[in-house]
Amino acid sequence: MLPHAPHNPPERILARYRGEGRSLHVARYQAMCEWFDETCGQLLDYLDRKGLADNTLVVLVTDNGWIQDEDSARSVRSKLTPYDAGLRTPIVLRWPGHIEPRRVLAFASSIDLAPTILAACRVEPPRDLPGMNLRRLVRENTTREAVFGEVFLHTAIDSNNPATNLTHRWIRAGQWKMILPKDGRGTELYDVVSDPAEKKDLAAREPAQVQRLTAMLDQWWRP
């Protein structure tokens, strides 16, 4: 569950994050993140010692971002929001002898994990399985036009009807990131290349982009 609460990192790690201008709340959270990194390293070391690393695909993915604020437990543009600080997270694959260490900035999604793992196991995925083989995306320099997502209530109202729990849908295509609330009002559009913090809403100035991205979003999933 690291780095979830309780935030109780060992003092040997916490000491590195105590400092002027940083609250104990934030220091504890940052130390928890390092503690989690340490446990990942211990797991990889175990695979290496046992001679299992070359035959083990390790996948690391996080469920959401969580920016710590000095004054509150959760930033208003972090966890449970449609902004990149809450939903843009890394996907890391480690497989010595099969995957060359490198950083890739191509569009990817957690729905890509299933086809990636099946391909590594030499299992043909079902034709209707969404997602892409990430190794093929990297190897063949394949690109996708867009990635999509949705944000739901933290406590689902109706697990049999996901749209009931929906708060926002979003799309990232090229430089553009559009956020569409469930009721369709208050659409936001950002150029996340020049404005990665999503501070300058361009929806009113770029109606053609809003129309294009909305059509793509509806084709992907209309609630």
C-alpha atoms as a PDB file:
ATOM      1  CA  MET A   1       0.000   0.000   0.000  1.00  0.00           C
ATOM      2  CA  LEU A   2       3.009   2.331   0.032  1.00  0.00           C
ATOM      3  CA  PRO A   3       2.919   5.303  -0.047  1.00  0.00           C
ATOM      4  CA  HIS A   4      -0.630   5.362   1.359  1.00  0.00           C
ATOM      5  CA  ALA A   5      -1.327   6.348   4.952  1.00  0.00           C
ATOM      6  CA  PRO A   6      -0.229   5.836   7.608  1.00  0.00           C
ATOM      7  CA  HIS A   7       2.826   7.871   6.638  1.00  0.00           C
ATOM      8  CA  ASN A   8       5.344   6.274   8.968  1.00  0.00           C
ATOM      9  CA  PRO A   9       8.661   6.045   7.109  1.00  0.00           C
ATOM     10  CA  PRO A  10      11.784   4.933   8.967  1.00  0.00           C
ATOM     11  CA  GLU A  11      13.745   7.812  10.450  1.00  0.00           C
ATOM     12  CA  ARG A  12      16.823   6.906   8.371  1.00  0.00           C
ATOM     13  CA  ILE A  13      14.853   7.930   5.249  1.00  0.00           C
ATOM     14  CA  LEU A  14      12.722  10.691   6.774  1.00  0.00           C
ATOM     15  CA  ALA A  15      15.846  12.533   7.937  1.00  0.00           C
ATOM     16  CA  ARG A  16      16.784  13.221   4.307  1.00  0.00           C
ATOM     17  CA  TYR A  17      13.514  15.077   3.700  1.00  0.00           C
ATOM     18  CA  ARG A  18      13.286  17.184   6.837  1.00  0.00           C
ATOM     19  CA  GLY A  19      14.263  20.720   6.068  1.00  0.00           C
ATOM     20  CA  GLU A  20      13.450  24.394   6.161  1.00  0.00           C
ATOM     21  CA  GLY A  21      10.387  25.302   4.111  1.00  0.00           C
ATOM     22  CA  ARG A  22       9.057  21.732   3.947  1.00  0.00           C
ATOM     23  CA  SER A  23       6.269  20.656   6.291  1.00  0.00           C
ATOM     24  CA  LEU A  24       6.553  17.395   8.178  1.00  0.00           C
ATOM     25  CA  HIS A  25       3.428  16.252   6.294  1.00  0.00           C
ATOM     26  CA  VAL A  26       5.167  16.612   2.920  1.00  0.00           C
ATOM     27  CA  ALA A  27       8.483  15.264   4.234  1.00  0.00           C
ATOM     28  CA  ARG A  28       6.788  12.094   5.470  1.00  0.00           C
ATOM     29  CA  TYR A  29       5.036  11.543   2.149  1.00  0.00           C
ATOM     30  CA  GLN A  30       8.223  12.032   0.127  1.00  0.00           C
ATOM     31  CA  ALA A  31      10.055   9.645   2.436  1.00  0.00           C
ATOM     32  CA  MET A  32       7.276   7.085   1.935  1.00  0.00           C
ATOM     33  CA  CYS A  33       7.850   7.308  -1.825  1.00  0.00           C
ATOM     34  CA  GLU A  34      11.557   6.583  -1.355  1.00  0.00           C
ATOM     35  CA  TRP A  35      10.715   3.710   0.982  1.00  0.00           C
ATOM     36  CA  PHE A  36       8.527   2.222  -1.748  1.00  0.00           C
ATOM     37  CA  ASP A  37      11.348   2.656  -4.284  1.00  0.00           C
ATOM     38  CA  GLU A  38      13.635   0.818  -1.876  1.00  0.00           C
ATOM     39  CA  THR A  39      11.268  -2.160  -1.675  1.00  0.00           C
ATOM     40  CA  CYS A  40      11.104  -2.303  -5.484  1.00  0.00           C
ATOM     41  CA  GLY A  41      14.882  -2.476  -5.562  1.00  0.00           C
ATOM     42  CA  GLN A  42      14.853  -5.305  -3.027  1.00  0.00           C
ATOM     43  CA  LEU A  43      12.433  -7.263  -5.212  1.00  0.00           C
ATOM     44  CA  LEU A  44      14.572  -6.783  -8.327  1.00  0.00           C
ATOM     45  CA  ASP A  45      17.700  -7.770  -6.375  1.00  0.00           C
ATOM     46  CA  TYR A  46      15.930 -10.967  -5.292  1.00  0.00           C
ATOM     47  CA  LEU A  47      15.117 -11.863  -8.907  1.00  0.00           C
ATOM     48  CA  ASP A  48      18.743 -11.226  -9.857  1.00  0.00           C
ATOM     49  CA  ARG A  49      20.107 -13.370  -7.013  1.00  0.00           C
ATOM     50  CA  LYS A  50      17.805 -16.261  -7.886  1.00  0.00           C
ATOM     51  CA  GLY A  51      18.672 -16.095 -11.590  1.00  0.00           C
ATOM     52  CA  LEU A  52      15.063 -15.289 -12.487  1.00  0.00           C
ATOM     53  CA  ALA A  53      15.439 -11.781 -13.929  1.00  0.00           C
ATOM     54  CA  ASP A  54      15.961 -12.833 -17.567  1.00  0.00           C
ATOM     55  CA  ASN A  55      12.745 -14.856 -17.488  1.00  0.00           C
ATOM     56  CA  THR A  56      10.592 -12.344 -15.588  1.00  0.00           C
ATOM     57  CA  LEU A  57       8.778  -9.358 -17.006  1.00  0.00           C
ATOM     58  CA  VAL A  58       8.379  -6.803 -14.234  1.00  0.00           C
ATOM     59  CA  VAL A  59       5.646  -4.193 -14.720  1.00  0.00           C
ATOM     60  CA  LEU A  60       5.286  -1.100 -12.560  1.00  0.00           C
ATOM     61  CA  VAL A  61       2.266   1.154 -12.952  1.00  0.00           C
ATOM     62  CA  THR A  62       0.590   3.542 -10.527  1.00  0.00           C
ATOM     63  CA  ASP A  63      -3.139   4.145 -10.241  1.00  0.00           C
ATOM     64  CA  ASN A  64      -2.987   7.929  -9.943  1.00  0.00           C
ATOM     65  CA  GLY A  65      -0.801  10.889  -9.141  1.00  0.00           C
ATOM     66  CA  TRP A  66      -0.965  12.621  -5.769  1.00  0.00           C
ATOM     67  CA  ILE A  67       0.700  15.970  -5.358  1.00  0.00           C
ATOM     68  CA  GLN A  68       1.237  16.860  -1.733  1.00  0.00           C
ATOM     69  CA  ASP A  69       0.255  20.376  -0.710  1.00  0.00           C
ATOM     70  CA  GLU A  70       1.758  22.182   2.264  1.00  0.00           C
ATOM     71  CA  ASP A  71      -1.694  23.141   3.539  1.00  0.00           C
ATOM     72  CA  SER A  72      -3.826  20.104   2.759  1.00  0.00           C
ATOM     73  CA  ALA A  73      -3.620  16.368   2.214  1.00  0.00           C
ATOM     74  CA  ARG A  74      -4.564  16.589  -1.455  1.00  0.00           C
ATOM     75  CA  SER A  75      -4.026  19.264  -4.106  1.00  0.00           C
ATOM     76  CA  VAL A  76      -7.186  20.393  -5.884  1.00  0.00           C
ATOM     77  CA  ARG A  77      -5.539  19.450  -9.207  1.00  0.00           C
ATOM     78  CA  SER A  78      -4.229  16.097  -8.119  1.00  0.00           C
ATOM     79  CA  LYS A  79      -5.838  12.795  -7.133  1.00  0.00           C
ATOM     80  CA  LEU A  80      -9.460  12.264  -8.258  1.00  0.00           C
ATOM     81  CA  THR A  81      -9.228  15.078 -10.830  1.00  0.00           C
ATOM     82  CA  PRO A  82      -8.947  14.963 -14.647  1.00  0.00           C
ATOM     83  CA  TYR A  83      -5.729  16.989 -14.644  1.00  0.00           C
ATOM     84  CA  ASP A  84      -2.381  15.462 -15.567  1.00  0.00           C
ATOM     85  CA  ALA A  85      -1.085  15.823 -11.997  1.00  0.00           C
ATOM     86  CA  GLY A  86      -3.657  13.229 -10.978  1.00  0.00           C
ATOM     87  CA  LEU A  87      -3.782  10.897 -13.951  1.00  0.00           C
ATOM     88  CA  ARG A  88      -0.540  11.042 -15.927  1.00  0.00           C
ATOM     89  CA  THR A  89       1.601   8.314 -14.412  1.00  0.00           C
ATOM     90  CA  PRO A  90       4.586   6.220 -15.526  1.00  0.00           C
ATOM     91  CA  ILE A  91       4.501   2.702 -16.877  1.00  0.00           C
ATOM     92  CA  VAL A  92       7.800   0.878 -16.395  1.00  0.00           C
ATOM     93  CA  LEU A  93       8.732  -2.451 -17.994  1.00  0.00           C
ATOM     94  CA  ARG A  94      11.856  -4.366 -16.945  1.00  0.00           C
ATOM     95  CA  TRP A  95      12.997  -7.533 -18.684  1.00  0.00           C
ATOM     96  CA  PRO A  96      16.784  -7.953 -18.987  1.00  0.00           C
ATOM     97  CA  GLY A  97      17.877  -9.310 -22.343  1.00  0.00           C
ATOM     98  CA  HIS A  98      14.531  -8.485 -23.943  1.00  0.00           C
ATOM     99  CA  ILE A  99      13.873  -4.801 -23.251  1.00  0.00           C
ATOM    100  CA  GLU A 100      16.625  -2.237 -23.693  1.00  0.00           C
ATOM    101  CA  PRO A 101      16.529   0.422 -20.946  1.00  0.00           C
ATOM    102  CA  ARG A 102      15.237   3.662 -22.438  1.00  0.00           C
ATOM    103  CA  ARG A 103      12.690   6.403 -21.867  1.00  0.00           C
ATOM    104  CA  VAL A 104       9.753   6.535 -24.272  1.00  0.00           C
ATOM    105  CA  LEU A 105       7.335   9.453 -24.484  1.00  0.00           C
ATOM    106  CA  ALA A 106       4.792   7.826 -26.837  1.00  0.00           C
ATOM    107  CA  PHE A 107       1.146   7.774 -25.789  1.00  0.00           C
ATOM    108  CA  ALA A 108       0.468   4.762 -23.588  1.00  0.00           C
ATOM    109  CA  SER A 109      -2.296   3.629 -21.262  1.00  0.00           C
ATOM    110  CA  SER A 110      -2.775   1.009 -18.588  1.00  0.00           C
ATOM    111  CA  ILE A 111      -5.080  -0.821 -21.021  1.00  0.00           C
ATOM    112  CA  ASP A 112      -1.864  -1.636 -22.929  1.00  0.00           C
ATOM    113  CA  LEU A 113      -0.578  -3.862 -20.137  1.00  0.00           C
ATOM    114  CA  ALA A 114      -2.728  -6.905 -20.910  1.00  0.00           C
ATOM    115  CA  PRO A 115      -1.730  -7.176 -24.612  1.00  0.00           C
ATOM    116  CA  THR A 116       1.897  -6.461 -23.679  1.00  0.00           C
ATOM    117  CA  ILE A 117       2.021  -9.259 -21.100  1.00  0.00           C
ATOM    118  CA  LEU A 118       0.187 -11.721 -23.361  1.00  0.00           C
ATOM    119  CA  ALA A 119       2.638 -11.020 -26.184  1.00  0.00           C
ATOM    120  CA  ALA A 120       5.570 -11.596 -23.834  1.00  0.00           C
ATOM    121  CA  CYS A 121       4.037 -14.981 -22.969  1.00  0.00           C
ATOM    122  CA  ARG A 122       3.521 -15.690 -26.701  1.00  0.00           C
ATOM    123  CA  VAL A 123      -0.240 -15.789 -26.250  1.00  0.00           C
ATOM    124  CA  GLU A 124      -2.419 -14.331 -28.990  1.00  0.00           C
ATOM    125  CA  PRO A 125      -4.750 -11.729 -27.420  1.00  0.00           C
ATOM    126  CA  PRO A 126      -8.486 -11.758 -28.186  1.00  0.00           C
ATOM    127  CA  ARG A 127      -9.351  -9.596 -31.185  1.00  0.00           C
ATOM    128  CA  ASP A 128     -11.642  -7.365 -29.163  1.00  0.00           C
ATOM    129  CA  LEU A 129      -9.078  -6.742 -26.415  1.00  0.00           C
ATOM    130  CA  PRO A 130      -8.306  -2.998 -26.277  1.00  0.00           C
ATOM    131  CA  GLY A 131      -4.802  -1.651 -26.021  1.00  0.00           C
ATOM    132  CA  MET A 132      -1.459  -2.112 -27.763  1.00  0.00           C
ATOM    133  CA  ASN A 133       1.649  -4.204 -27.218  1.00  0.00           C
ATOM    134  CA  LEU A 134       3.990  -1.594 -25.742  1.00  0.00           C
ATOM    135  CA  ARG A 135       7.101  -3.461 -26.848  1.00  0.00           C
ATOM    136  CA  ARG A 136       5.859  -3.363 -30.434  1.00  0.00           C
ATOM    137  CA  LEU A 137       5.020   0.329 -30.057  1.00  0.00           C
ATOM    138  CA  VAL A 138       8.626   1.000 -29.070  1.00  0.00           C
ATOM    139  CA  ARG A 139      10.266  -1.449 -31.472  1.00  0.00           C
ATOM    140  CA  GLU A 140       8.359  -0.293 -34.551  1.00  0.00           C
ATOM    141  CA  ASN A 141       8.123   3.347 -33.465  1.00  0.00           C
ATOM    142  CA  THR A 142       4.340   3.021 -33.739  1.00  0.00           C
ATOM    143  CA  THR A 143       2.209   5.981 -32.732  1.00  0.00           C
ATOM    144  CA  ARG A 144      -1.435   6.330 -31.792  1.00  0.00           C
ATOM    145  CA  GLU A 145      -3.595   9.331 -32.516  1.00  0.00           C
ATOM    146  CA  ALA A 146      -4.908   9.802 -29.012  1.00  0.00           C
ATOM    147  CA  VAL A 147      -5.358   8.377 -25.539  1.00  0.00           C
ATOM    148  CA  PHE A 148      -8.609   8.583 -23.616  1.00  0.00           C
ATOM    149  CA  GLY A 149      -9.728   8.304 -20.048  1.00  0.00           C
ATOM    150  CA  GLU A 150     -12.428   8.960 -17.536  1.00  0.00           C
ATOM    151  CA  VAL A 151     -12.714   9.989 -13.897  1.00  0.00           C
ATOM    152  CA  PHE A 152     -15.201   8.377 -11.548  1.00  0.00           C
ATOM    153  CA  LEU A 153     -16.479   9.016  -8.064  1.00  0.00           C
ATOM    154  CA  HIS A 154     -14.121   7.582  -5.471  1.00  0.00           C
ATOM    155  CA  THR A 155     -16.961   5.517  -4.020  1.00  0.00           C
ATOM    156  CA  ALA A 156     -18.983   4.014  -6.870  1.00  0.00           C
ATOM    157  CA  ILE A 157     -22.737   4.482  -6.763  1.00  0.00           C
ATOM    158  CA  ASP A 158     -23.518   1.718  -9.254  1.00  0.00           C
ATOM    159  CA  SER A 159     -20.772  -0.727 -10.194  1.00  0.00           C
ATOM    160  CA  ASN A 160     -22.965  -2.274 -12.912  1.00  0.00           C
ATOM    161  CA  ASN A 161     -23.368   1.037 -14.745  1.00  0.00           C
ATOM    162  CA  PRO A 162     -20.051   2.949 -14.857  1.00  0.00           C
ATOM    163  CA  ALA A 163     -21.654   6.047 -16.400  1.00  0.00           C
ATOM    164  CA  THR A 164     -23.576   6.575 -13.155  1.00  0.00           C
ATOM    165  CA  ASN A 165     -20.280   7.181 -11.358  1.00  0.00           C
ATOM    166  CA  LEU A 166     -18.714   9.340 -14.075  1.00  0.00           C
ATOM    167  CA  THR A 167     -17.505  12.872 -13.335  1.00  0.00           C
ATOM    168  CA  HIS A 168     -15.303  13.657 -16.368  1.00  0.00           C
ATOM    169  CA  ARG A 169     -14.031  12.243 -19.635  1.00  0.00           C
ATOM    170  CA  TRP A 170     -10.769  13.436 -21.188  1.00  0.00           C
ATOM    171  CA  ILE A 171      -8.688  13.046 -24.344  1.00  0.00           C
ATOM    172  CA  ARG A 172      -5.055  13.782 -25.197  1.00  0.00           C
ATOM    173  CA  ALA A 173      -4.304  14.144 -28.918  1.00  0.00           C
ATOM    174  CA  GLY A 174      -1.045  15.694 -30.032  1.00  0.00           C
ATOM    175  CA  GLN A 175      -0.443  18.860 -28.059  1.00  0.00           C
ATOM    176  CA  TRP A 176      -4.074  19.109 -26.980  1.00  0.00           C
ATOM    177  CA  LYS A 177      -5.708  17.900 -23.775  1.00  0.00           C
ATOM    178  CA  MET A 178      -9.474  18.342 -23.470  1.00  0.00           C
ATOM    179  CA  ILE A 179     -11.531  17.727 -20.331  1.00  0.00           C
ATOM    180  CA  LEU A 180     -15.281  17.224 -20.679  1.00  0.00           C
ATOM    181  CA  PRO A 181     -17.482  17.164 -17.553  1.00  0.00           C
ATOM    182  CA  LYS A 182     -20.283  14.631 -17.431  1.00  0.00           C
ATOM    183  CA  ASP A 183     -22.969  17.255 -18.067  1.00  0.00           C
ATOM    184  CA  GLY A 184     -21.066  18.622 -21.067  1.00  0.00           C
ATOM    185  CA  ARG A 185     -20.770  22.103 -19.561  1.00  0.00           C
ATOM    186  CA  GLY A 186     -17.511  23.779 -18.647  1.00  0.00           C
ATOM    187  CA  THR A 187     -15.306  22.039 -21.233  1.00  0.00           C
ATOM    188  CA  GLU A 188     -11.588  22.784 -20.753  1.00  0.00           C
ATOM    189  CA  LEU A 189      -8.870  22.723 -23.422  1.00  0.00           C
ATOM    190  CA  TYR A 190      -5.142  22.992 -22.827  1.00  0.00           C
ATOM    191  CA  ASP A 191      -2.009  23.034 -24.947  1.00  0.00           C
ATOM    192  CA  VAL A 192      -0.095  20.785 -22.581  1.00  0.00           C
ATOM    193  CA  VAL A 193       3.148  21.127 -24.532  1.00  0.00           C
ATOM    194  CA  SER A 194       3.421  24.851 -23.829  1.00  0.00           C
ATOM    195  CA  ASP A 195       1.241  24.732 -20.703  1.00  0.00           C
ATOM    196  CA  PRO A 196       1.973  21.450 -18.878  1.00  0.00           C
ATOM    197  CA  ALA A 197       0.426  22.735 -15.639  1.00  0.00           C
ATOM    198  CA  GLU A 198      -2.916  23.197 -17.443  1.00  0.00           C
ATOM    199  CA  LYS A 199      -3.396  26.771 -16.272  1.00  0.00           C
ATOM    200  CA  LYS A 200      -4.547  28.471 -19.509  1.00  0.00           C
ATOM    201  CA  ASP A 201      -7.938  27.219 -20.701  1.00  0.00           C
ATOM    202  CA  LEU A 202      -8.176  27.684 -24.494  1.00  0.00           C
ATOM    203  CA  ALA A 203     -11.640  26.178 -25.030  1.00  0.00           C
ATOM    204  CA  ALA A 204     -13.294  29.507 -25.879  1.00  0.00           C
ATOM    205  CA  ARG A 205     -10.487  30.466 -28.264  1.00  0.00           C
ATOM    206  CA  GLU A 206     -10.242  27.095 -30.065  1.00  0.00           C
ATOM    207  CA  PRO A 207     -13.834  25.964 -30.778  1.00  0.00           C
ATOM    208  CA  ALA A 208     -12.748  23.880 -33.790  1.00  0.00           C
ATOM    209  CA  GLN A 209     -10.377  21.837 -31.615  1.00  0.00           C
ATOM    210  CA  VAL A 210     -13.104  21.354 -29.003  1.00  0.00           C
ATOM    211  CA  GLN A 211     -15.514  20.098 -31.667  1.00  0.00           C
ATOM    212  CA  ARG A 212     -12.918  17.733 -33.177  1.00  0.00           C
ATOM    213  CA  LEU A 213     -11.813  16.292 -29.848  1.00  0.00           C
ATOM    214  CA  THR A 214     -15.377  15.922 -28.591  1.00  0.00           C
ATOM    215  CA  ALA A 215     -16.239  13.872 -31.673  1.00  0.00           C
ATOM    216  CA  MET A 216     -13.218  11.623 -31.057  1.00  0.00           C
ATOM    217  CA  LEU A 217     -14.145  11.276 -27.404  1.00  0.00           C
ATOM    218  CA  ASP A 218     -17.742  10.357 -28.223  1.00  0.00           C
ATOM    219  CA  GLN A 219     -16.599   7.798 -30.770  1.00  0.00           C
ATOM    220  CA  TRP A 220     -14.448   6.193 -28.086  1.00  0.00           C
ATOM    221  CA  TRP A 221     -17.132   6.209 -25.400  1.00  0.00           C
ATOM    222  CA  ARG A 222     -20.466   7.966 -25.247  1.00  0.00           C
ATOM    223  CA  PRO A 223     -21.958   7.720 -21.725  1.00  0.00           C
END
